[in-house]
Amino acid sequence: GVSLVGVSPSVKIGASMLGPYTPTETTVIATKTEGRRVFEIDGKPAADWVYDWLGDDVRDQYEGGGLILPQTAQKPVGIKKSGGEYVTNHLAALGGEEKFADFFAPIPEGAELVIMDSG
């Protein structure tokens, strides 16, 4: 195949990448955050919510901390933007006894998080 691209000062370029995910009906609120770290979801420790959601797949990381990307790769969390599109964020790790959850991107405090599905 061949691709041709013409670029000049008068040509405007934009890009977007949509993941293969659809929103589910499961939503929660990030009630306490700091950058990529979420301390509370719906007023409860974030790691408790993640463990309730994913169960034994993340038991070791829930108890001792650690990476959980493999267990969440097909189930990111989306934040709906004003235009209706979702920005997906993957969970990175759980904080063990501190019960926080880290994401790969900042999560605004008060953001509605929607569980996405690769279905």
N, C-alpha and C. Protein backbone atom coordinates (compact mmCIF):
# COMPACT_ATOMS: atom_id res chain seq x y z
N GLY A 1 0.81 -1.17 0.00
CA GLY A 1 0.00 0.00 0.00
C GLY A 1 0.86 1.24 0.00
N VAL A 2 0.24 2.33 -0.38
CA VAL A 2 0.92 3.61 -0.44
C VAL A 2 0.05 4.65 0.26
N SER A 3 0.67 5.51 1.05
CA SER A 3 -0.03 6.62 1.68
C SER A 3 0.64 7.91 1.25
N LEU A 4 -0.15 8.87 0.88
CA LEU A 4 0.37 10.19 0.53
C LEU A 4 -0.21 11.20 1.51
N VAL A 5 0.65 12.08 1.99
CA VAL A 5 0.23 13.11 2.92
C VAL A 5 0.74 14.45 2.41
N GLY A 6 -0.15 15.42 2.32
CA GLY A 6 0.25 16.76 1.93
C GLY A 6 0.17 17.67 3.13
N VAL A 7 1.23 18.41 3.40
CA VAL A 7 1.25 19.28 4.55
C VAL A 7 1.69 20.67 4.09
N SER A 8 0.94 21.66 4.55
CA SER A 8 1.31 23.05 4.29
C SER A 8 0.75 23.89 5.43
N PRO A 9 1.16 25.15 5.53
CA PRO A 9 0.66 25.99 6.62
C PRO A 9 -0.87 26.16 6.61
N SER A 10 -1.50 25.98 5.47
CA SER A 10 -2.95 26.17 5.39
C SER A 10 -3.74 24.88 5.66
N VAL A 11 -3.06 23.77 5.86
CA VAL A 11 -3.73 22.50 6.11
C VAL A 11 -3.74 22.24 7.62
N LYS A 12 -4.94 22.04 8.17
CA LYS A 12 -5.07 21.73 9.59
C LYS A 12 -5.17 20.22 9.75
N ILE A 13 -4.49 19.72 10.77
CA ILE A 13 -4.44 18.29 10.99
C ILE A 13 -5.00 17.99 12.38
N GLY A 14 -5.75 16.94 12.48
CA GLY A 14 -6.27 16.49 13.76
C GLY A 14 -6.20 14.98 13.80
N ALA A 15 -6.21 14.44 14.98
CA ALA A 15 -6.14 12.98 15.12
C ALA A 15 -6.93 12.54 16.33
N SER A 16 -7.40 11.33 16.26
CA SER A 16 -8.13 10.74 17.38
C SER A 16 -7.96 9.24 17.31
N MET A 17 -7.89 8.63 18.48
CA MET A 17 -7.81 7.18 18.52
C MET A 17 -8.91 6.68 19.45
N LEU A 18 -9.76 5.86 18.94
CA LEU A 18 -10.83 5.29 19.75
C LEU A 18 -10.48 3.85 20.05
N GLY A 19 -10.53 3.50 21.31
CA GLY A 19 -10.27 2.12 21.69
C GLY A 19 -11.47 1.25 21.39
N PRO A 20 -11.26 -0.03 21.42
CA PRO A 20 -12.35 -0.96 21.10
C PRO A 20 -13.23 -1.25 22.31
N TYR A 21 -13.57 -0.23 23.08
CA TYR A 21 -14.29 -0.42 24.33
C TYR A 21 -15.67 0.22 24.27
N THR A 22 -16.61 -0.39 24.99
CA THR A 22 -17.94 0.18 25.12
C THR A 22 -18.23 0.37 26.61
N PRO A 23 -18.99 1.43 26.93
CA PRO A 23 -19.30 1.67 28.35
C PRO A 23 -20.29 0.64 28.88
N THR A 24 -20.14 0.29 30.15
CA THR A 24 -21.11 -0.56 30.82
C THR A 24 -21.99 0.35 31.67
N GLU A 25 -22.91 -0.22 32.41
CA GLU A 25 -23.77 0.59 33.27
C GLU A 25 -23.15 0.80 34.65
N THR A 26 -21.97 0.24 34.90
CA THR A 26 -21.31 0.38 36.19
C THR A 26 -20.55 1.70 36.25
N THR A 27 -20.98 2.58 37.15
CA THR A 27 -20.32 3.88 37.32
C THR A 27 -20.07 4.13 38.81
N VAL A 28 -19.00 4.86 39.07
CA VAL A 28 -18.63 5.25 40.43
C VAL A 28 -18.04 6.65 40.36
N ILE A 29 -17.83 7.26 41.52
CA ILE A 29 -17.23 8.59 41.60
C ILE A 29 -15.88 8.50 42.30
N ALA A 30 -14.86 9.09 41.68
CA ALA A 30 -13.53 9.20 42.32
C ALA A 30 -13.63 10.33 43.34
N THR A 31 -13.79 9.98 44.62
CA THR A 31 -14.08 11.00 45.63
C THR A 31 -12.84 11.60 46.29
N LYS A 32 -11.69 10.95 46.17
CA LYS A 32 -10.45 11.53 46.71
C LYS A 32 -9.29 11.09 45.82
N THR A 33 -8.66 12.06 45.15
CA THR A 33 -7.59 11.75 44.21
C THR A 33 -6.43 12.73 44.38
N GLU A 34 -5.30 12.31 43.84
CA GLU A 34 -4.12 13.19 43.75
C GLU A 34 -3.34 12.74 42.53
N GLY A 35 -3.51 13.45 41.43
CA GLY A 35 -2.84 13.05 40.19
C GLY A 35 -3.35 11.70 39.70
N ARG A 36 -2.42 10.76 39.52
CA ARG A 36 -2.77 9.43 39.03
C ARG A 36 -3.25 8.50 40.15
N ARG A 37 -3.12 8.94 41.39
CA ARG A 37 -3.46 8.11 42.54
C ARG A 37 -4.88 8.42 43.02
N VAL A 38 -5.68 7.36 43.15
CA VAL A 38 -7.04 7.49 43.67
C VAL A 38 -7.08 6.83 45.04
N PHE A 39 -7.45 7.62 46.03
CA PHE A 39 -7.52 7.12 47.40
C PHE A 39 -8.90 6.58 47.76
N GLU A 40 -9.95 7.24 47.23
CA GLU A 40 -11.31 6.83 47.54
C GLU A 40 -12.18 6.82 46.30
N ILE A 41 -13.03 5.82 46.23
CA ILE A 41 -14.05 5.70 45.19
C ILE A 41 -15.37 5.53 45.91
N ASP A 42 -16.32 6.40 45.61
CA ASP A 42 -17.61 6.43 46.31
C ASP A 42 -17.43 6.51 47.82
N GLY A 43 -16.40 7.25 48.27
CA GLY A 43 -16.18 7.46 49.69
C GLY A 43 -15.54 6.30 50.43
N LYS A 44 -15.13 5.25 49.72
CA LYS A 44 -14.51 4.07 50.33
C LYS A 44 -13.10 3.90 49.77
N PRO A 45 -12.23 3.16 50.47
CA PRO A 45 -10.88 2.96 49.93
C PRO A 45 -10.92 2.41 48.49
N ALA A 46 -10.15 3.03 47.62
CA ALA A 46 -10.17 2.67 46.20
C ALA A 46 -9.83 1.20 45.97
N ALA A 47 -8.84 0.68 46.68
CA ALA A 47 -8.45 -0.71 46.48
C ALA A 47 -9.57 -1.68 46.88
N ASP A 48 -10.37 -1.31 47.87
CA ASP A 48 -11.51 -2.17 48.24
C ASP A 48 -12.48 -2.28 47.08
N TRP A 49 -12.76 -1.14 46.44
CA TRP A 49 -13.67 -1.16 45.29
C TRP A 49 -13.09 -2.00 44.15
N VAL A 50 -11.80 -1.83 43.86
CA VAL A 50 -11.16 -2.61 42.78
C VAL A 50 -11.23 -4.11 43.10
N TYR A 51 -10.97 -4.46 44.35
CA TYR A 51 -11.03 -5.88 44.74
C TYR A 51 -12.46 -6.42 44.62
N ASP A 52 -13.44 -5.64 45.02
CA ASP A 52 -14.84 -6.06 44.87
C ASP A 52 -15.18 -6.27 43.40
N TRP A 53 -14.63 -5.44 42.52
CA TRP A 53 -14.89 -5.50 41.09
C TRP A 53 -14.17 -6.69 40.44
N LEU A 54 -12.88 -6.87 40.72
CA LEU A 54 -12.07 -7.87 40.02
C LEU A 54 -11.86 -9.17 40.80
N GLY A 55 -12.08 -9.14 42.10
CA GLY A 55 -12.00 -10.35 42.91
C GLY A 55 -10.62 -10.97 43.01
N ASP A 56 -10.61 -12.30 43.04
CA ASP A 56 -9.38 -13.05 43.29
C ASP A 56 -8.28 -12.82 42.25
N ASP A 57 -8.63 -12.30 41.08
CA ASP A 57 -7.60 -12.00 40.07
C ASP A 57 -6.57 -11.01 40.59
N VAL A 58 -6.96 -10.19 41.57
CA VAL A 58 -6.03 -9.18 42.10
C VAL A 58 -5.80 -9.34 43.60
N ARG A 59 -6.08 -10.52 44.14
CA ARG A 59 -5.95 -10.73 45.58
C ARG A 59 -4.54 -10.43 46.08
N ASP A 60 -3.52 -10.96 45.42
CA ASP A 60 -2.14 -10.74 45.87
C ASP A 60 -1.77 -9.26 45.88
N GLN A 61 -2.16 -8.54 44.83
CA GLN A 61 -1.84 -7.11 44.74
C GLN A 61 -2.68 -6.31 45.73
N TYR A 62 -3.89 -6.75 45.99
CA TYR A 62 -4.74 -6.08 46.98
C TYR A 62 -4.11 -6.20 48.37
N GLU A 63 -3.61 -7.36 48.68
CA GLU A 63 -3.04 -7.59 50.01
C GLU A 63 -1.64 -7.00 50.17
N GLY A 64 -0.80 -7.11 49.14
CA GLY A 64 0.59 -6.69 49.28
C GLY A 64 1.03 -5.56 48.37
N GLY A 65 0.14 -5.07 47.54
CA GLY A 65 0.50 -4.03 46.57
C GLY A 65 1.11 -4.64 45.32
N GLY A 66 1.01 -3.94 44.22
CA GLY A 66 1.63 -4.42 42.98
C GLY A 66 0.84 -4.07 41.74
N LEU A 67 1.45 -4.36 40.59
CA LEU A 67 0.87 -4.04 39.29
C LEU A 67 -0.35 -4.91 38.99
N ILE A 68 -1.37 -4.29 38.35
CA ILE A 68 -2.57 -5.04 37.98
C ILE A 68 -2.98 -4.80 36.53
N LEU A 69 -2.10 -4.25 35.71
CA LEU A 69 -2.45 -4.01 34.31
C LEU A 69 -2.90 -5.29 33.60
N PRO A 70 -2.22 -6.42 33.75
CA PRO A 70 -2.69 -7.62 33.02
C PRO A 70 -4.15 -7.98 33.34
N GLN A 71 -4.57 -7.77 34.58
CA GLN A 71 -5.92 -8.13 34.97
C GLN A 71 -6.96 -7.11 34.51
N THR A 72 -6.53 -5.91 34.15
CA THR A 72 -7.48 -4.86 33.77
C THR A 72 -7.34 -4.41 32.32
N ALA A 73 -6.46 -5.04 31.56
CA ALA A 73 -6.21 -4.60 30.18
C ALA A 73 -7.47 -4.60 29.33
N GLN A 74 -8.36 -5.54 29.56
CA GLN A 74 -9.60 -5.62 28.78
C GLN A 74 -10.76 -4.87 29.44
N LYS A 75 -10.49 -4.23 30.59
CA LYS A 75 -11.54 -3.56 31.35
C LYS A 75 -11.05 -2.20 31.85
N PRO A 76 -10.80 -1.26 30.96
CA PRO A 76 -10.36 0.04 31.45
C PRO A 76 -11.52 0.81 32.09
N VAL A 77 -11.17 1.92 32.69
CA VAL A 77 -12.15 2.82 33.27
C VAL A 77 -12.23 4.03 32.36
N GLY A 78 -13.44 4.44 32.01
CA GLY A 78 -13.61 5.59 31.13
C GLY A 78 -14.12 6.81 31.88
N ILE A 79 -13.72 7.98 31.40
CA ILE A 79 -14.25 9.24 31.88
C ILE A 79 -14.94 9.90 30.70
N LYS A 80 -16.24 10.15 30.84
CA LYS A 80 -17.02 10.73 29.74
C LYS A 80 -16.76 12.22 29.65
N LYS A 81 -16.42 12.67 28.45
CA LYS A 81 -16.16 14.09 28.21
C LYS A 81 -17.45 14.79 27.79
N SER A 82 -17.43 16.11 27.78
CA SER A 82 -18.64 16.88 27.49
C SER A 82 -19.20 16.59 26.10
N GLY A 83 -18.37 16.19 25.17
CA GLY A 83 -18.83 15.88 23.82
C GLY A 83 -19.42 14.48 23.69
N GLY A 84 -19.41 13.71 24.78
CA GLY A 84 -20.00 12.37 24.75
C GLY A 84 -18.99 11.25 24.58
N GLU A 85 -17.77 11.58 24.18
CA GLU A 85 -16.75 10.54 23.99
C GLU A 85 -16.14 10.17 25.33
N TYR A 86 -15.55 9.01 25.39
CA TYR A 86 -14.90 8.53 26.61
C TYR A 86 -13.39 8.54 26.45
N VAL A 87 -12.70 8.95 27.48
CA VAL A 87 -11.25 8.82 27.55
C VAL A 87 -11.00 7.65 28.49
N THR A 88 -10.33 6.61 27.99
CA THR A 88 -10.10 5.43 28.81
C THR A 88 -8.80 5.53 29.58
N ASN A 89 -8.82 5.00 30.78
CA ASN A 89 -7.66 4.97 31.66
C ASN A 89 -7.53 3.56 32.22
N HIS A 90 -6.32 3.05 32.19
CA HIS A 90 -6.09 1.72 32.73
C HIS A 90 -5.54 1.81 34.15
N LEU A 91 -6.00 0.91 34.99
CA LEU A 91 -5.45 0.79 36.33
C LEU A 91 -4.03 0.25 36.24
N ALA A 92 -3.14 0.82 37.02
CA ALA A 92 -1.74 0.40 36.99
C ALA A 92 -1.39 -0.50 38.16
N ALA A 93 -1.79 -0.10 39.39
CA ALA A 93 -1.34 -0.83 40.57
C ALA A 93 -2.26 -0.57 41.75
N LEU A 94 -2.16 -1.44 42.73
CA LEU A 94 -2.84 -1.26 44.01
C LEU A 94 -1.78 -1.03 45.08
N GLY A 95 -2.15 -0.29 46.12
CA GLY A 95 -1.18 0.11 47.13
C GLY A 95 -1.10 -0.74 48.37
N GLY A 96 -1.62 -1.96 48.34
CA GLY A 96 -1.50 -2.83 49.51
C GLY A 96 -2.25 -2.27 50.70
N GLU A 97 -1.59 -2.21 51.86
CA GLU A 97 -2.23 -1.77 53.09
C GLU A 97 -2.74 -0.33 53.03
N GLU A 98 -2.16 0.48 52.15
CA GLU A 98 -2.61 1.88 52.03
C GLU A 98 -3.90 1.99 51.24
N LYS A 99 -4.28 0.94 50.52
CA LYS A 99 -5.57 0.80 49.82
C LYS A 99 -5.85 1.87 48.77
N PHE A 100 -4.82 2.41 48.12
CA PHE A 100 -5.04 3.31 47.00
C PHE A 100 -4.96 2.51 45.70
N ALA A 101 -5.39 3.15 44.61
CA ALA A 101 -5.27 2.57 43.28
C ALA A 101 -4.58 3.60 42.39
N ASP A 102 -3.56 3.17 41.65
CA ASP A 102 -2.88 4.05 40.71
C ASP A 102 -3.36 3.76 39.30
N PHE A 103 -3.51 4.83 38.53
CA PHE A 103 -3.88 4.74 37.11
C PHE A 103 -2.69 5.20 36.28
N PHE A 104 -2.77 5.00 34.97
CA PHE A 104 -1.70 5.45 34.08
C PHE A 104 -1.89 6.90 33.63
N ALA A 105 -2.98 7.53 34.05
CA ALA A 105 -3.25 8.94 33.72
C ALA A 105 -3.93 9.59 34.92
N PRO A 106 -3.83 10.91 35.04
CA PRO A 106 -4.48 11.59 36.16
C PRO A 106 -6.00 11.37 36.16
N ILE A 107 -6.55 11.23 37.35
CA ILE A 107 -7.99 11.09 37.53
C ILE A 107 -8.47 12.30 38.33
N PRO A 108 -9.30 13.14 37.74
CA PRO A 108 -9.77 14.33 38.47
C PRO A 108 -10.68 13.94 39.64
N GLU A 109 -10.52 14.62 40.75
CA GLU A 109 -11.39 14.38 41.90
C GLU A 109 -12.82 14.76 41.51
N GLY A 110 -13.75 13.89 41.84
CA GLY A 110 -15.15 14.10 41.50
C GLY A 110 -15.55 13.53 40.15
N ALA A 111 -14.59 12.97 39.41
CA ALA A 111 -14.90 12.42 38.08
C ALA A 111 -15.76 11.17 38.21
N GLU A 112 -16.74 11.06 37.30
CA GLU A 112 -17.51 9.83 37.20
C GLU A 112 -16.70 8.84 36.38
N LEU A 113 -16.44 7.68 36.95
CA LEU A 113 -15.69 6.62 36.28
C LEU A 113 -16.67 5.58 35.79
N VAL A 114 -16.52 5.20 34.53
CA VAL A 114 -17.40 4.21 33.91
C VAL A 114 -16.56 3.00 33.55
N ILE A 115 -16.99 1.83 33.99
CA ILE A 115 -16.28 0.61 33.61
C ILE A 115 -16.55 0.34 32.14
N MET A 116 -15.49 0.17 31.38
CA MET A 116 -15.60 -0.10 29.95
C MET A 116 -15.40 -1.61 29.73
N ASP A 117 -15.90 -2.09 28.62
CA ASP A 117 -15.79 -3.51 28.29
C ASP A 117 -15.27 -3.67 26.88
N SER A 118 -14.42 -4.66 26.67
CA SER A 118 -13.88 -4.89 25.33
C SER A 118 -14.84 -5.73 24.49
N GLY A 119 -15.89 -6.28 25.13
CA GLY A 119 -16.94 -7.11 24.57
C GLY A 119 -17.00 -7.15 23.09
